Structure formats: structure tokens, C-alpha cells
Amino acid sequence: MDEKQNEQIKAYYQKFSDKTKFLKNDYYVLQKENGYTSPPSSMPAHELKLLREYMHGINLKQLGESLPNNKKNMLLVRFLKGRRNQQVNVHTKVRDNVIEILGRVSEVGRDFTALTTVTERFWIPYAAIESAGVPYGISDMPNSHQQVIYDESLRRKLLTEFSTTLLKNDVIRRQFYEETLEVHLQSWKGIKIRIYTKGEVYKGKLVKITSGRLTVKGRKGNHTIPMDEIHLIKRSTPLQLLPIFIRWLKESFSRIWNK
């Protein structure tokens, strides 16, 4: 598009009244891509974004009232997706106690969430969660930019090769499809975990997940646990701190030698 034509289009939108000049503020943004055809609304972009969030909240409330058995899961999914890769504190029921877990939201599934810390990873079924919130002192802000790098190449692949692109990338696939805990744990076979149920704590290596049951191999043999009885799954990885400790030692000795 030449400069003269660009100026003509700009002048065309600039003459709109305050009520209809929906492209005046977003003119250059919309002109960056040739793939855009027309704006989705006559509102400015910021007003449209606020309206969409409000409508989505109202729709979610109505769905929750119509489907009370699914209300808790739907609200938790909405909250946790907005905090992906950020810190949250979750109060969850483990056996007969309610404990608080502080961690970064790494996965948001259909019936569970996964939180990670420096040395631990937690899988928490929504059924066991009493409440979830933002830790005091941490700003509550959206983080969609942290979920996946959405560039022109990825955009084109999603438009032309949607299924192939999703199959090759688990992170992108989880943006579109919410996995159940049973499906998600299939990719974690072979790791050592600790499983908390209402009456017992099981430790061992995850060996099998089939038909709503999880099997771990411990020192005393295999234990099969129904998925709906699980309150919490925990994986401790203290060796993750080893590279950090080694780097700290190197930096400390380096400062001493330089002196």
C-alpha cells in the first residue's frame, strides 16, 4: 500500500464522529497485518475488551447456576487460567486437614491443576480444593503473554495446519484442550511420587494409569488407587537445587580469587 493511499484511508476514518470512529485509535494496529478484514465491533479496543470480560463473567455465573455440579470446576479453571505461570496459594483438603500450598500454576486441566515450586511439584484435583487465591503482596494481573509465543509463523500454522500443529506441541494443545488428570499423568510414568488419599499415603514409582485407577510400585509391592480418592499427588525433586548450589559456589570462589 503506497503512502498516498494510506493517507486517504486514514483521512476517511478520521472524519468519523465520536460515536463511530472505532478505527481512529487502532488504525495503525489494524494496518500492520494484511490478514485482518474488519474490526469486530464499533467500540474502541479497550472498551470491547472490558465488555467481553464482563459478558464472559456473566455467562460463567449463569452456567454455574444451571450446572451446580460443575460450578466449582468451571470457576477454578477460569481463575487458574488467568494466573498461569504466576504464584497462587491453594487451600486443599489432604486427609482430614486443610493445608495451604504456594506455587506457580504450571498446568490447568479439566479436573486438576499442577503447581510447582523450586523443589516440588503438586497435582491437585479440583474436588479437593477448598479455595484458591493470590498471595498477599503479589499483583493480580493477566498473563496471557506468558502462555505461548504467538508470532506470525504460529498464527499461519494454526490457520492452515491446526491438528498437525497441536499434535506436535503439548503446550499449545493444552491451550485448546483441557486434559483430565488421568490423561495428563500418562506422560509422567516412571517418576517417584507420593499420593495422599483420605486414609493413606502411598509412595512409589508411577507405573500405570488405566480405567480411573492409578498404580504405583513401592517397596512392598504395587498399590492401585482409585483416581476419585486422590487428594494430592506430590513429587519432590531436591536435586534441582544442585546446579544452583554449584553455580553459587563457583561465583563465591571466583570473587575470593579475584581479591
Protein backbone atom coordinates (compact mmCIF):
# COMPACT_ATOMS: atom_id res chain seq x y z
CA MET A 1 0.00 0.00 0.00
CA ASP A 2 1.58 3.34 -1.08
CA GLU A 3 1.78 6.41 1.11
CA LYS A 4 -0.92 8.32 -0.75
CA GLN A 5 -3.45 5.52 -0.44
CA ASN A 6 -2.57 5.10 3.21
CA GLU A 7 -3.23 8.78 3.87
CA GLN A 8 -6.59 8.57 2.09
CA ILE A 9 -7.71 5.64 4.25
CA LYS A 10 -6.51 7.39 7.38
CA ALA A 11 -8.41 10.57 6.45
CA TYR A 12 -11.54 8.50 5.84
CA TYR A 13 -11.58 7.12 9.38
CA GLN A 14 -10.51 10.39 10.99
CA LYS A 15 -13.69 12.13 9.84
CA PHE A 16 -15.96 9.75 11.77
CA SER A 17 -17.93 11.13 14.69
CA ASP A 18 -17.00 10.26 18.27
CA LYS A 19 -19.66 7.55 18.31
CA THR A 20 -18.44 5.71 15.23
CA LYS A 21 -14.71 6.40 14.95
CA PHE A 22 -13.86 2.87 16.03
CA LEU A 23 -10.64 2.70 13.98
CA LYS A 24 -9.21 6.05 14.95
CA ASN A 25 -7.25 4.77 17.94
CA ASP A 26 -6.45 1.35 16.48
CA TYR A 27 -5.80 2.40 12.90
CA TYR A 28 -2.09 1.59 12.75
CA VAL A 29 -2.52 -1.65 14.70
CA LEU A 30 -5.07 -2.95 12.22
CA GLN A 31 -2.93 -1.90 9.27
CA LYS A 32 0.07 -3.96 10.38
CA GLU A 33 -1.44 -7.22 9.13
CA ASN A 34 -2.98 -7.81 5.74
CA GLY A 35 -5.00 -10.73 7.09
CA TYR A 36 -7.44 -8.59 9.09
CA THR A 37 -10.66 -7.75 7.26
CA SER A 38 -12.82 -5.63 9.54
CA PRO A 39 -12.93 -4.75 13.26
CA PRO A 40 -15.14 -6.97 15.45
CA SER A 41 -17.06 -4.03 16.93
CA SER A 42 -17.66 -0.31 16.64
CA MET A 43 -16.20 0.14 20.13
CA PRO A 44 -12.60 1.11 20.86
CA ALA A 45 -10.39 -1.90 21.60
CA HIS A 46 -10.12 -1.20 25.34
CA GLU A 47 -13.89 -0.85 25.76
CA LEU A 48 -14.51 -4.02 23.77
CA LYS A 49 -12.05 -5.94 25.94
CA LEU A 50 -13.78 -4.84 29.15
CA LEU A 51 -17.20 -5.71 27.71
CA ARG A 52 -16.02 -9.18 26.69
CA GLU A 53 -14.63 -9.87 30.17
CA TYR A 54 -17.90 -8.72 31.74
CA MET A 55 -20.01 -10.85 29.38
CA HIS A 56 -17.80 -13.89 29.97
CA GLY A 57 -18.17 -13.47 33.73
CA ILE A 58 -21.96 -13.19 33.50
CA ASN A 59 -22.15 -16.23 31.22
CA LEU A 60 -19.98 -18.22 33.61
CA LYS A 61 -22.22 -17.25 36.54
CA GLN A 62 -25.33 -18.33 34.64
CA LEU A 63 -23.71 -21.64 33.66
CA GLY A 64 -22.73 -22.26 37.27
CA GLU A 65 -26.30 -21.71 38.44
CA SER A 66 -27.63 -24.01 35.72
CA LEU A 67 -24.98 -26.68 36.34
CA PRO A 68 -24.29 -26.60 40.09
CA ASN A 69 -22.30 -29.84 39.99
CA ASN A 70 -19.82 -28.26 37.55
CA LYS A 71 -19.75 -24.76 39.02
CA LYS A 72 -16.69 -25.28 41.21
CA ASN A 73 -14.59 -26.72 38.39
CA MET A 74 -15.61 -24.00 35.92
CA LEU A 75 -14.74 -21.18 38.31
CA LEU A 76 -11.41 -22.74 39.28
CA VAL A 77 -10.48 -23.22 35.61
CA ARG A 78 -11.32 -19.59 34.87
CA PHE A 79 -9.30 -18.29 37.82
CA LEU A 80 -6.27 -20.54 37.33
CA LYS A 81 -6.04 -19.91 33.58
CA GLY A 82 -5.78 -16.22 34.35
CA ARG A 83 -2.88 -16.95 36.72
CA ARG A 84 -0.92 -19.36 34.55
CA ASN A 85 2.84 -19.17 35.28
CA GLN A 86 2.14 -16.95 38.29
CA GLN A 87 2.04 -17.53 42.02
CA VAL A 88 -1.16 -18.67 43.73
CA ASN A 89 -1.99 -20.07 47.14
CA VAL A 90 -4.34 -23.04 47.19
CA HIS A 91 -6.07 -24.37 50.29
CA THR A 92 -6.66 -28.05 49.69
CA LYS A 93 -8.02 -30.88 51.79
CA VAL A 94 -5.42 -33.57 52.49
CA ARG A 95 -6.76 -36.44 54.58
CA ASP A 96 -8.55 -34.70 57.49
CA ASN A 97 -6.65 -31.40 57.31
CA VAL A 98 -6.74 -28.35 55.08
CA ILE A 99 -3.25 -27.26 54.05
CA GLU A 100 -2.00 -24.26 52.09
CA ILE A 101 0.19 -24.78 49.02
CA LEU A 102 2.01 -21.84 47.47
CA GLY A 103 3.32 -22.38 43.97
CA ARG A 104 3.36 -21.37 40.33
CA VAL A 105 0.49 -22.53 38.13
CA SER A 106 2.07 -24.77 35.51
CA GLU A 107 -0.96 -26.77 34.30
CA VAL A 108 -4.70 -26.16 34.25
CA GLY A 109 -6.66 -29.29 33.40
CA ARG A 110 -10.30 -30.25 33.25
CA ASP A 111 -10.37 -31.68 36.77
CA PHE A 112 -6.99 -30.72 38.28
CA THR A 113 -4.26 -28.13 38.46
CA ALA A 114 -0.50 -28.53 38.83
CA LEU A 115 1.60 -26.18 40.96
CA THR A 116 5.39 -26.09 41.01
CA THR A 117 7.98 -24.71 43.39
CA VAL A 118 11.77 -24.81 43.16
CA THR A 119 11.94 -28.36 44.51
CA GLU A 120 8.40 -29.76 44.35
CA ARG A 121 5.50 -30.34 42.00
CA PHE A 122 1.91 -30.81 43.16
CA TRP A 123 -1.07 -32.23 41.27
CA ILE A 124 -4.29 -31.16 42.99
CA PRO A 125 -7.76 -32.40 41.94
CA TYR A 126 -10.38 -29.65 41.95
CA ALA A 127 -12.56 -31.83 44.18
CA ALA A 128 -10.00 -31.45 46.99
CA ILE A 129 -9.56 -27.66 46.67
CA GLU A 130 -11.31 -25.56 49.31
CA SER A 131 -10.22 -22.18 47.94
CA ALA A 132 -7.62 -20.56 45.69
CA GLY A 133 -6.31 -17.02 45.69
CA VAL A 134 -3.45 -14.65 45.04
CA PRO A 135 -0.75 -14.36 47.74
CA TYR A 136 -0.64 -11.06 49.59
CA GLY A 137 1.75 -8.58 48.04
CA ILE A 138 1.63 -10.08 44.53
CA SER A 139 -0.23 -8.03 41.94
CA ASP A 140 -3.27 -9.64 40.32
CA MET A 141 -2.67 -9.16 36.62
CA PRO A 142 -3.42 -11.15 33.45
CA ASN A 143 -0.56 -13.12 31.96
CA SER A 144 -1.71 -14.31 28.57
CA HIS A 145 1.61 -13.13 27.13
CA GLN A 146 3.39 -15.76 29.25
CA GLN A 147 1.45 -18.73 27.94
CA VAL A 148 2.89 -19.16 24.46
CA ILE A 149 4.83 -17.06 21.96
CA TYR A 150 2.22 -16.22 19.33
CA ASP A 151 4.06 -15.00 16.25
CA GLU A 152 3.09 -14.79 12.58
CA SER A 153 4.52 -18.24 11.83
CA LEU A 154 2.47 -19.92 14.57
CA ARG A 155 -0.62 -17.99 13.53
CA ARG A 156 -0.30 -19.24 9.97
CA LYS A 157 0.23 -22.84 11.11
CA LEU A 158 -2.84 -22.75 13.34
CA LEU A 159 -4.94 -21.45 10.46
CA THR A 160 -3.70 -23.90 7.84
CA GLU A 161 -2.42 -26.94 9.81
CA PHE A 162 -4.37 -26.83 13.05
CA SER A 163 -4.41 -30.53 14.01
CA THR A 164 -0.79 -31.17 12.99
CA THR A 165 0.47 -28.13 14.90
CA LEU A 166 -1.35 -29.14 18.09
CA LEU A 167 -0.15 -32.74 17.95
CA LYS A 168 3.49 -31.59 17.74
CA ASN A 169 3.32 -29.16 20.67
CA ASP A 170 1.86 -30.17 24.05
CA VAL A 171 1.92 -26.60 25.38
CA ILE A 172 -0.21 -25.27 22.52
CA ARG A 173 -2.52 -28.28 22.64
CA ARG A 174 -3.30 -27.61 26.29
CA GLN A 175 -4.43 -24.09 25.37
CA PHE A 176 -7.28 -25.63 23.38
CA TYR A 177 -7.98 -28.93 25.16
CA GLU A 178 -8.20 -29.34 28.92
CA GLU A 179 -6.78 -32.72 29.91
CA THR A 180 -8.06 -34.82 32.75
CA LEU A 181 -5.64 -35.84 35.49
CA GLU A 182 -5.75 -39.42 34.26
CA VAL A 183 -4.67 -38.42 30.74
CA HIS A 184 -2.09 -35.92 31.96
CA LEU A 185 -0.29 -38.42 34.20
CA GLN A 186 0.30 -40.75 31.25
CA SER A 187 3.31 -38.62 30.33
CA TRP A 188 4.74 -38.88 33.86
CA LYS A 189 5.10 -42.65 34.09
CA GLY A 190 8.30 -43.80 35.78
CA ILE A 191 8.64 -40.91 38.24
CA LYS A 192 8.61 -41.31 42.01
CA ILE A 193 5.61 -39.69 43.66
CA ARG A 194 3.74 -39.54 46.94
CA ILE A 195 -0.05 -39.92 46.81
CA TYR A 196 -2.33 -38.66 49.58
CA THR A 197 -5.81 -40.16 49.94
CA LYS A 198 -8.36 -39.86 52.72
CA GLY A 199 -6.89 -42.66 54.78
CA GLU A 200 -3.43 -43.50 53.43
CA VAL A 201 -0.22 -42.10 51.97
CA TYR A 202 1.39 -44.12 49.19
CA LYS A 203 4.98 -43.73 47.98
CA GLY A 204 6.46 -45.30 44.90
CA LYS A 205 7.07 -45.17 41.18
CA LEU A 206 4.14 -44.41 38.89
CA VAL A 207 3.75 -47.44 36.63
CA LYS A 208 0.21 -47.48 35.23
CA ILE A 209 -2.93 -45.37 34.83
CA THR A 210 -5.98 -47.15 33.43
CA SER A 211 -9.77 -47.05 33.82
CA GLY A 212 -9.83 -44.47 36.59
CA ARG A 213 -7.12 -46.18 38.63
CA LEU A 214 -3.51 -45.29 39.32
CA THR A 215 -0.85 -47.88 40.17
CA VAL A 216 2.41 -47.16 41.98
CA LYS A 217 5.22 -49.59 42.69
CA GLY A 218 6.59 -49.29 46.22
CA ARG A 219 8.91 -51.32 48.40
CA LYS A 220 6.08 -53.61 49.48
CA GLY A 221 4.71 -54.18 46.00
CA ASN A 222 2.15 -52.47 43.80
CA HIS A 223 -0.66 -50.30 45.10
CA THR A 224 -3.70 -49.44 42.97
CA ILE A 225 -5.59 -46.30 43.96
CA PRO A 226 -8.90 -45.06 42.51
CA MET A 227 -8.45 -41.62 40.94
CA ASP A 228 -11.51 -40.19 42.71
CA GLU A 229 -9.95 -40.95 46.12
CA ILE A 230 -6.79 -38.92 45.47
CA HIS A 231 -6.48 -35.67 47.43
CA LEU A 232 -2.95 -34.72 46.39
CA ILE A 233 -0.01 -36.02 44.37
CA LYS A 234 3.43 -34.72 45.26
CA ARG A 235 6.77 -35.06 43.57
CA SER A 236 9.91 -33.86 45.36
CA THR A 237 12.98 -33.06 43.30
CA PRO A 238 15.66 -31.74 45.67
CA LEU A 239 18.35 -32.38 43.06
CA GLN A 240 17.00 -29.39 41.13
CA LEU A 241 18.82 -27.23 43.67
CA LEU A 242 22.19 -28.83 42.89
CA PRO A 243 23.01 -26.74 39.77
CA ILE A 244 22.05 -23.56 41.66
CA PHE A 245 24.28 -24.53 44.58
CA ILE A 246 27.21 -25.35 42.27
CA ARG A 247 26.83 -22.02 40.47
CA TRP A 248 26.76 -20.20 43.82
CA LEU A 249 29.97 -21.97 44.88
CA LYS A 250 31.71 -21.04 41.63
CA GLU A 251 30.71 -17.39 41.96
CA SER A 252 31.80 -17.30 45.61
CA PHE A 253 35.23 -18.81 44.88
CA SER A 254 35.62 -16.56 41.86
CA ARG A 255 35.11 -13.45 44.00
CA ILE A 256 37.61 -14.74 46.56
CA TRP A 257 40.26 -15.50 43.93
CA ASN A 258 39.79 -12.12 42.25
CA LYS A 259 40.56 -10.42 45.53
